[in-house]
PDB file of N, CA and C in Angstrom:
ATOM      1  N   UNK A   1     113.700 174.216 128.064  1.00  0.00           N
ATOM      2  CA  UNK A   1     115.034 174.100 127.490  1.00  0.00           C
ATOM      3  C   UNK A   1     115.909 175.546 127.642  1.00  0.00           C
ATOM      4  N   UNK A   2     116.662 176.071 128.133  1.00  0.00           N
ATOM      5  CA  UNK A   2     117.396 177.145 128.103  1.00  0.00           C
ATOM      6  C   UNK A   2     118.718 177.316 127.349  1.00  0.00           C
ATOM      7  N   UNK A   3     118.854 178.075 126.915  1.00  0.00           N
ATOM      8  CA  UNK A   3     119.954 178.672 125.838  1.00  0.00           C
ATOM      9  C   UNK A   3     120.895 179.732 126.685  1.00  0.00           C
ATOM     10  N   UNK A   4     121.564 179.461 126.992  1.00  0.00           N
ATOM     11  CA  UNK A   4     122.752 180.695 127.850  1.00  0.00           C
ATOM     12  C   UNK A   4     123.401 181.203 126.203  1.00  0.00           C
ATOM     13  N   UNK A   5     123.200 182.278 126.302  1.00  0.00           N
ATOM     14  CA  UNK A   5     124.496 183.199 125.491  1.00  0.00           C
ATOM     15  C   UNK A   5     125.458 183.779 126.635  1.00  0.00           C
ATOM     16  N   UNK A   6     126.323 184.051 125.724  1.00  0.00           N
ATOM     17  CA  UNK A   6     127.673 185.302 126.258  1.00  0.00           C
ATOM     18  C   UNK A   6     127.665 185.829 125.663  1.00  0.00           C
ATOM     19  N   UNK A   7     128.400 187.258 125.706  1.00  0.00           N
ATOM     20  CA  UNK A   7     128.624 188.441 124.985  1.00  0.00           C
ATOM     21  C   UNK A   7     130.113 187.547 124.246  1.00  0.00           C
ATOM     22  N   UNK A   8     130.031 188.057 122.811  1.00  0.00           N
ATOM     23  CA  UNK A   8     130.825 187.807 121.881  1.00  0.00           C
ATOM     24  C   UNK A   8     132.062 188.436 122.259  1.00  0.00           C
ATOM     25  N   UNK A   9     133.252 187.283 122.079  1.00  0.00           N
ATOM     26  CA  UNK A   9     134.994 188.023 122.698  1.00  0.00           C
ATOM     27  C   UNK A   9     135.112 189.269 121.339  1.00  0.00           C
ATOM     28  N   UNK A  10     136.144 189.846 121.401  1.00  0.00           N
ATOM     29  CA  UNK A  10     136.730 191.098 120.612  1.00  0.00           C
ATOM     30  C   UNK A  10     136.827 190.178 119.548  1.00  0.00           C
ATOM     31  N   UNK A  11     137.461 188.791 119.377  1.00  0.00           N
ATOM     32  CA  UNK A  11     137.996 188.503 118.320  1.00  0.00           C
ATOM     33  C   UNK A  11     136.650 187.867 117.639  1.00  0.00           C
ATOM     34  N   UNK A  12     135.318 187.237 118.119  1.00  0.00           N
ATOM     35  CA  UNK A  12     134.269 187.087 117.457  1.00  0.00           C
ATOM     36  C   UNK A  12     133.601 188.446 117.149  1.00  0.00           C
ATOM     37  N   UNK A  13     133.493 189.407 117.443  1.00  0.00           N
ATOM     38  CA  UNK A  13     133.006 190.831 117.255  1.00  0.00           C
ATOM     39  C   UNK A  13     133.817 191.181 115.684  1.00  0.00           C
ATOM     40  N   UNK A  14     135.122 190.883 115.699  1.00  0.00           N
ATOM     41  CA  UNK A  14     135.866 191.290 114.369  1.00  0.00           C
ATOM     42  C   UNK A  14     135.362 190.507 113.128  1.00  0.00           C
ATOM     43  N   UNK A  15     135.156 188.804 113.807  1.00  0.00           N
ATOM     44  CA  UNK A  15     134.979 188.147 112.318  1.00  0.00           C
ATOM     45  C   UNK A  15     133.248 188.576 112.238  1.00  0.00           C
ATOM     46  N   UNK A  16     132.442 189.186 112.750  1.00  0.00           N
ATOM     47  CA  UNK A  16     131.267 189.339 112.549  1.00  0.00           C
ATOM     48  C   UNK A  16     130.954 190.789 111.858  1.00  0.00           C
ATOM     49  N   UNK A  17     132.184 191.514 111.771  1.00  0.00           N
ATOM     50  CA  UNK A  17     131.927 192.512 111.076  1.00  0.00           C
ATOM     51  C   UNK A  17     132.948 192.651 110.081  1.00  0.00           C
ATOM     52  N   UNK A  18     133.327 191.389 109.606  1.00  0.00           N
ATOM     53  CA  UNK A  18     134.046 190.609 108.276  1.00  0.00           C
ATOM     54  C   UNK A  18     135.560 191.234 108.319  1.00  0.00           C
ATOM     55  N   UNK A  19     135.927 191.505 109.719  1.00  0.00           N
ATOM     56  CA  UNK A  19     137.329 192.029 109.575  1.00  0.00           C
ATOM     57  C   UNK A  19     138.311 190.840 110.146  1.00  0.00           C
ATOM     58  N   UNK A  20     138.309 189.992 109.131  1.00  0.00           N
ATOM     59  CA  UNK A  20     139.004 188.542 109.693  1.00  0.00           C
ATOM     60  C   UNK A  20     140.613 188.892 109.613  1.00  0.00           C
ATOM     61  N   UNK A  21     141.394 189.821 108.955  1.00  0.00           N
ATOM     62  CA  UNK A  21     142.503 190.094 109.075  1.00  0.00           C
ATOM     63  C   UNK A  21     142.953 190.804 110.140  1.00  0.00           C
ATOM     64  N   UNK A  22     141.931 191.689 110.433  1.00  0.00           N
ATOM     65  CA  UNK A  22     142.109 192.392 111.692  1.00  0.00           C
ATOM     66  C   UNK A  22     142.297 191.573 112.653  1.00  0.00           C
ATOM     67  N   UNK A  23     141.685 190.599 113.089  1.00  0.00           N
ATOM     68  CA  UNK A  23     141.250 189.609 113.885  1.00  0.00           C
ATOM     69  C   UNK A  23     142.100 188.538 114.067  1.00  0.00           C
ATOM     70  N   UNK A  24     143.025 188.199 112.777  1.00  0.00           N
ATOM     71  CA  UNK A  24     144.011 187.703 113.267  1.00  0.00           C
ATOM     72  C   UNK A  24     145.207 187.959 113.852  1.00  0.00           C
ATOM     73  N   UNK A  25     145.194 189.683 113.611  1.00  0.00           N
ATOM     74  CA  UNK A  25     146.312 190.033 114.489  1.00  0.00           C
ATOM     75  C   UNK A  25     146.631 190.589 115.923  1.00  0.00           C
ATOM     76  N   UNK A  26     145.110 190.188 116.211  1.00  0.00           N
ATOM     77  CA  UNK A  26     145.115 189.918 117.713  1.00  0.00           C
ATOM     78  C   UNK A  26     145.871 188.626 118.341  1.00  0.00           C
ATOM     79  N   UNK A  27     145.694 187.875 117.323  1.00  0.00           N
ATOM     80  CA  UNK A  27     146.301 186.462 117.913  1.00  0.00           C
ATOM     81  C   UNK A  27     147.742 186.542 117.654  1.00  0.00           C
ATOM     82  N   UNK A  28     148.360 187.190 117.051  1.00  0.00           N
ATOM     83  CA  UNK A  28     149.607 187.316 117.063  1.00  0.00           C
ATOM     84  C   UNK A  28     150.526 188.108 118.389  1.00  0.00           C
ATOM     85  N   UNK A  29     151.906 187.653 118.489  1.00  0.00           N
ATOM     86  CA  UNK A  29     152.328 188.953 120.172  1.00  0.00           C
ATOM     87  C   UNK A  29     152.570 190.080 119.115  1.00  0.00           C
ATOM     88  N   UNK A  30     152.595 191.232 120.210  1.00  0.00           N
ATOM     89  CA  UNK A  30     152.242 192.445 119.880  1.00  0.00           C
ATOM     90  C   UNK A  30     153.832 193.094 119.206  1.00  0.00           C
ATOM     91  N   UNK A  31     154.754 192.103 119.877  1.00  0.00           N
ATOM     92  CA  UNK A  31     156.155 193.051 119.425  1.00  0.00           C
ATOM     93  C   UNK A  31     156.584 192.398 117.613  1.00  0.00           C
ATOM     94  N   UNK A  32     155.435 191.566 117.224  1.00  0.00           N
ATOM     95  CA  UNK A  32     155.570 191.047 115.934  1.00  0.00           C
ATOM     96  C   UNK A  32     154.743 191.778 114.761  1.00  0.00           C
ATOM     97  N   UNK A  33     153.869 192.845 115.529  1.00  0.00           N
ATOM     98  CA  UNK A  33     152.969 193.170 114.335  1.00  0.00           C
ATOM     99  C   UNK A  33     153.493 195.086 114.524  1.00  0.00           C
ATOM    100  N   UNK A  34     153.346 195.405 113.611  1.00  0.00           N
ATOM    101  CA  UNK A  34     153.660 196.850 113.171  1.00  0.00           C
ATOM    102  C   UNK A  34     152.743 198.047 113.801  1.00  0.00           C
ATOM    103  N   UNK A  35     153.382 199.118 114.212  1.00  0.00           N
ATOM    104  CA  UNK A  35     152.823 199.999 115.313  1.00  0.00           C
ATOM    105  C   UNK A  35     151.687 200.623 114.665  1.00  0.00           C
ATOM    106  N   UNK A  36     151.475 200.755 113.237  1.00  0.00           N
ATOM    107  CA  UNK A  36     150.197 201.369 112.447  1.00  0.00           C
ATOM    108  C   UNK A  36     148.914 200.198 112.568  1.00  0.00           C
ATOM    109  N   UNK A  37     149.325 198.828 112.638  1.00  0.00           N
ATOM    110  CA  UNK A  37     148.290 197.880 112.571  1.00  0.00           C
ATOM    111  C   UNK A  37     147.686 197.571 114.403  1.00  0.00           C
ATOM    112  N   UNK A  38     149.098 197.758 114.968  1.00  0.00           N
ATOM    113  CA  UNK A  38     148.620 198.010 116.439  1.00  0.00           C
ATOM    114  C   UNK A  38     147.372 199.038 116.443  1.00  0.00           C
ATOM    115  N   UNK A  39     147.647 200.438 116.363  1.00  0.00           N
ATOM    116  CA  UNK A  39     146.693 201.478 116.190  1.00  0.00           C
ATOM    117  C   UNK A  39     145.787 201.406 115.668  1.00  0.00           C
ATOM    118  N   UNK A  40     145.127 200.192 114.636  1.00  0.00           N
ATOM    119  CA  UNK A  40     144.032 200.218 114.118  1.00  0.00           C
ATOM    120  C   UNK A  40     143.475 199.173 114.510  1.00  0.00           C
ATOM    121  N   UNK A  41     143.923 197.897 115.153  1.00  0.00           N
ATOM    122  CA  UNK A  41     143.174 196.959 116.200  1.00  0.00           C
ATOM    123  C   UNK A  41     142.894 197.453 117.592  1.00  0.00           C
ATOM    124  N   UNK A  42     143.553 198.665 117.897  1.00  0.00           N
ATOM    125  CA  UNK A  42     143.200 199.525 119.130  1.00  0.00           C
ATOM    126  C   UNK A  42     141.591 200.176 119.012  1.00  0.00           C
ATOM    127  N   UNK A  43     141.857 200.853 117.782  1.00  0.00           N
ATOM    128  CA  UNK A  43     140.393 201.903 117.379  1.00  0.00           C
ATOM    129  C   UNK A  43     139.548 200.915 117.604  1.00  0.00           C
ATOM    130  N   UNK A  44     139.707 199.210 116.646  1.00  0.00           N
ATOM    131  CA  UNK A  44     138.493 198.246 116.347  1.00  0.00           C
ATOM    132  C   UNK A  44     137.952 197.977 118.276  1.00  0.00           C
ATOM    133  N   UNK A  45     138.990 198.051 118.761  1.00  0.00           N
ATOM    134  CA  UNK A  45     138.746 197.636 120.500  1.00  0.00           C
ATOM    135  C   UNK A  45     137.967 198.712 121.056  1.00  0.00           C
ATOM    136  N   UNK A  46     138.372 200.496 120.677  1.00  0.00           N
ATOM    137  CA  UNK A  46     137.710 201.289 121.157  1.00  0.00           C
ATOM    138  C   UNK A  46     135.744 201.058 121.026  1.00  0.00           C
ATOM    139  N   UNK A  47     135.832 200.772 119.876  1.00  0.00           N
ATOM    140  CA  UNK A  47     134.236 200.701 119.200  1.00  0.00           C
ATOM    141  C   UNK A  47     133.776 199.572 119.930  1.00  0.00           C
ATOM    142  N   UNK A  48     134.512 198.622 120.097  1.00  0.00           N
ATOM    143  CA  UNK A  48     133.925 197.354 120.766  1.00  0.00           C
ATOM    144  C   UNK A  48     133.403 197.602 121.670  1.00  0.00           C
ATOM    145  N   UNK A  49     134.044 198.359 122.716  1.00  0.00           N
ATOM    146  CA  UNK A  49     134.066 198.532 124.107  1.00  0.00           C
ATOM    147  C   UNK A  49     132.407 199.708 124.057  1.00  0.00           C
ATOM    148  N   UNK A  50     132.224 200.456 123.319  1.00  0.00           N
ATOM    149  CA  UNK A  50     131.225 201.134 122.866  1.00  0.00           C
ATOM    150  C   UNK A  50     130.002 200.137 122.794  1.00  0.00           C
ATOM    151  N   UNK A  51     129.994 199.561 121.576  1.00  0.00           N
ATOM    152  CA  UNK A  51     129.334 198.729 121.055  1.00  0.00           C
ATOM    153  C   UNK A  51     128.883 197.528 121.973  1.00  0.00           C
ATOM    154  N   UNK A  52     129.654 196.737 122.386  1.00  0.00           N
ATOM    155  CA  UNK A  52     129.740 195.412 123.440  1.00  0.00           C
ATOM    156  C   UNK A  52     129.666 194.338 122.598  1.00  0.00           C
ATOM    157  N   UNK A  53     129.514 193.381 123.129  1.00  0.00           N
ATOM    158  CA  UNK A  53     129.241 192.084 122.497  1.00  0.00           C
ATOM    159  C   UNK A  53     127.860 191.456 122.830  1.00  0.00           C
ATOM    160  N   UNK A  54     127.192 192.132 123.030  1.00  0.00           N
ATOM    161  CA  UNK A  54     125.718 191.467 122.646  1.00  0.00           C
ATOM    162  C   UNK A  54     125.222 190.750 121.147  1.00  0.00           C
ATOM    163  N   UNK A  55     125.480 189.759 120.725  1.00  0.00           N
ATOM    164  CA  UNK A  55     124.549 189.627 119.458  1.00  0.00           C
ATOM    165  C   UNK A  55     124.102 190.281 118.649  1.00  0.00           C
ATOM    166  N   UNK A  56     122.897 190.996 119.344  1.00  0.00           N
ATOM    167  CA  UNK A  56     121.871 191.937 118.481  1.00  0.00           C
ATOM    168  C   UNK A  56     122.462 193.455 118.456  1.00  0.00           C
ATOM    169  N   UNK A  57     123.323 193.725 119.062  1.00  0.00           N
ATOM    170  CA  UNK A  57     124.191 195.123 119.222  1.00  0.00           C
ATOM    171  C   UNK A  57     124.883 194.803 118.034  1.00  0.00           C
ATOM    172  N   UNK A  58     125.871 193.688 117.850  1.00  0.00           N
ATOM    173  CA  UNK A  58     126.788 194.067 117.164  1.00  0.00           C
ATOM    174  C   UNK A  58     126.035 193.982 115.560  1.00  0.00           C
ATOM    175  N   UNK A  59     125.244 192.861 115.514  1.00  0.00           N
ATOM    176  CA  UNK A  59     124.348 192.627 114.758  1.00  0.00           C
ATOM    177  C   UNK A  59     123.848 193.847 113.600  1.00  0.00           C
ATOM    178  N   UNK A  60     123.319 194.873 114.604  1.00  0.00           N
ATOM    179  CA  UNK A  60     122.416 196.155 114.118  1.00  0.00           C
ATOM    180  C   UNK A  60     123.885 196.881 113.905  1.00  0.00           C
ATOM    181  N   UNK A  61     124.620 196.779 114.845  1.00  0.00           N
ATOM    182  CA  UNK A  61     125.751 197.787 114.290  1.00  0.00           C
ATOM    183  C   UNK A  61     126.744 197.596 112.949  1.00  0.00           C
ATOM    184  N   UNK A  62     126.868 196.131 112.534  1.00  0.00           N
ATOM    185  CA  UNK A  62     127.037 195.463 111.514  1.00  0.00           C
ATOM    186  C   UNK A  62     126.205 196.075 110.084  1.00  0.00           C
ATOM    187  N   UNK A  63     124.978 195.947 110.229  1.00  0.00           N
ATOM    188  CA  UNK A  63     123.781 196.136 109.226  1.00  0.00           C
ATOM    189  C   UNK A  63     123.523 197.443 109.136  1.00  0.00           C
ATOM    190  N   UNK A  64     123.749 198.445 109.970  1.00  0.00           N
ATOM    191  CA  UNK A  64     123.132 199.867 109.886  1.00  0.00           C
ATOM    192  C   UNK A  64     124.882 200.802 109.848  1.00  0.00           C
ATOM    193  N   UNK A  65     125.787 200.546 110.457  1.00  0.00           N
ATOM    194  CA  UNK A  65     127.083 201.288 110.525  1.00  0.00           C
ATOM    195  C   UNK A  65     126.787 202.371 111.750  1.00  0.00           C
ATOM    196  N   UNK A  66     126.015 202.093 112.646  1.00  0.00           N
ATOM    197  CA  UNK A  66     125.469 203.452 113.294  1.00  0.00           C
ATOM    198  C   UNK A  66     125.631 202.882 114.704  1.00  0.00           C
ATOM    199  N   UNK A  67     126.479 203.363 115.266  1.00  0.00           N
ATOM    200  CA  UNK A  67     126.880 203.032 116.677  1.00  0.00           C
ATOM    201  C   UNK A  67     125.454 203.728 117.749  1.00  0.00           C
ATOM    202  N   UNK A  68     124.830 205.007 116.978  1.00  0.00           N
ATOM    203  CA  UNK A  68     123.828 205.362 117.539  1.00  0.00           C
ATOM    204  C   UNK A  68     122.693 204.165 118.142  1.00  0.00           C
ATOM    205  N   UNK A  69     122.556 203.360 116.558  1.00  0.00           N
ATOM    206  CA  UNK A  69     121.467 202.344 116.700  1.00  0.00           C
ATOM    207  C   UNK A  69     122.035 201.574 117.323  1.00  0.00           C
ATOM    208  N   UNK A  70     123.039 200.926 117.726  1.00  0.00           N
ATOM    209  CA  UNK A  70     123.578 199.826 118.545  1.00  0.00           C
ATOM    210  C   UNK A  70     123.076 200.303 119.798  1.00  0.00           C
ATOM    211  N   UNK A  71     123.297 201.539 120.164  1.00  0.00           N
ATOM    212  CA  UNK A  71     122.925 201.965 121.789  1.00  0.00           C
ATOM    213  C   UNK A  71     121.465 202.207 121.599  1.00  0.00           C
ATOM    214  N   UNK A  72     120.348 202.513 121.043  1.00  0.00           N
ATOM    215  CA  UNK A  72     118.895 202.030 121.003  1.00  0.00           C
ATOM    216  C   UNK A  72     119.013 200.677 121.177  1.00  0.00           C
ATOM    217  N   UNK A  73     119.859 199.801 120.890  1.00  0.00           N
ATOM    218  CA  UNK A  73     119.498 198.257 120.987  1.00  0.00           C
ATOM    219  C   UNK A  73     119.720 198.022 122.346  1.00  0.00           C
ATOM    220  N   UNK A  74     120.414 198.871 122.568  1.00  0.00           N
ATOM    221  CA  UNK A  74     121.352 198.330 124.184  1.00  0.00           C
ATOM    222  C   UNK A  74     119.982 198.695 125.103  1.00  0.00           C
ATOM    223  N   UNK A  75     119.196 200.118 125.217  1.00  0.00           N
ATOM    224  CA  UNK A  75     118.248 200.232 125.793  1.00  0.00           C
ATOM    225  C   UNK A  75     117.387 200.096 125.677  1.00  0.00           C
ATOM    226  N   UNK A  76     116.994 199.087 125.295  1.00  0.00           N
ATOM    227  CA  UNK A  76     115.836 198.181 125.299  1.00  0.00           C
ATOM    228  C   UNK A  76     115.662 197.377 126.272  1.00  0.00           C
TER     229      UNK A  76
END
């Protein structure tokens, strides 16, 4: 039996980090969201691009707060 895993979406990534409020803003039309909140979402998106959506990398980042630790998981 195989279990196919897929990378986490940006929305799932935010939920895994406990950022439910930011995640909900990603579901809204951009013109309804304040510029400062859009910038916060973009900051999270940049971080997601580096960490990626692989569950183990996200978990490592969430637990350690270190992007470098996440990179180490990626390189294994």
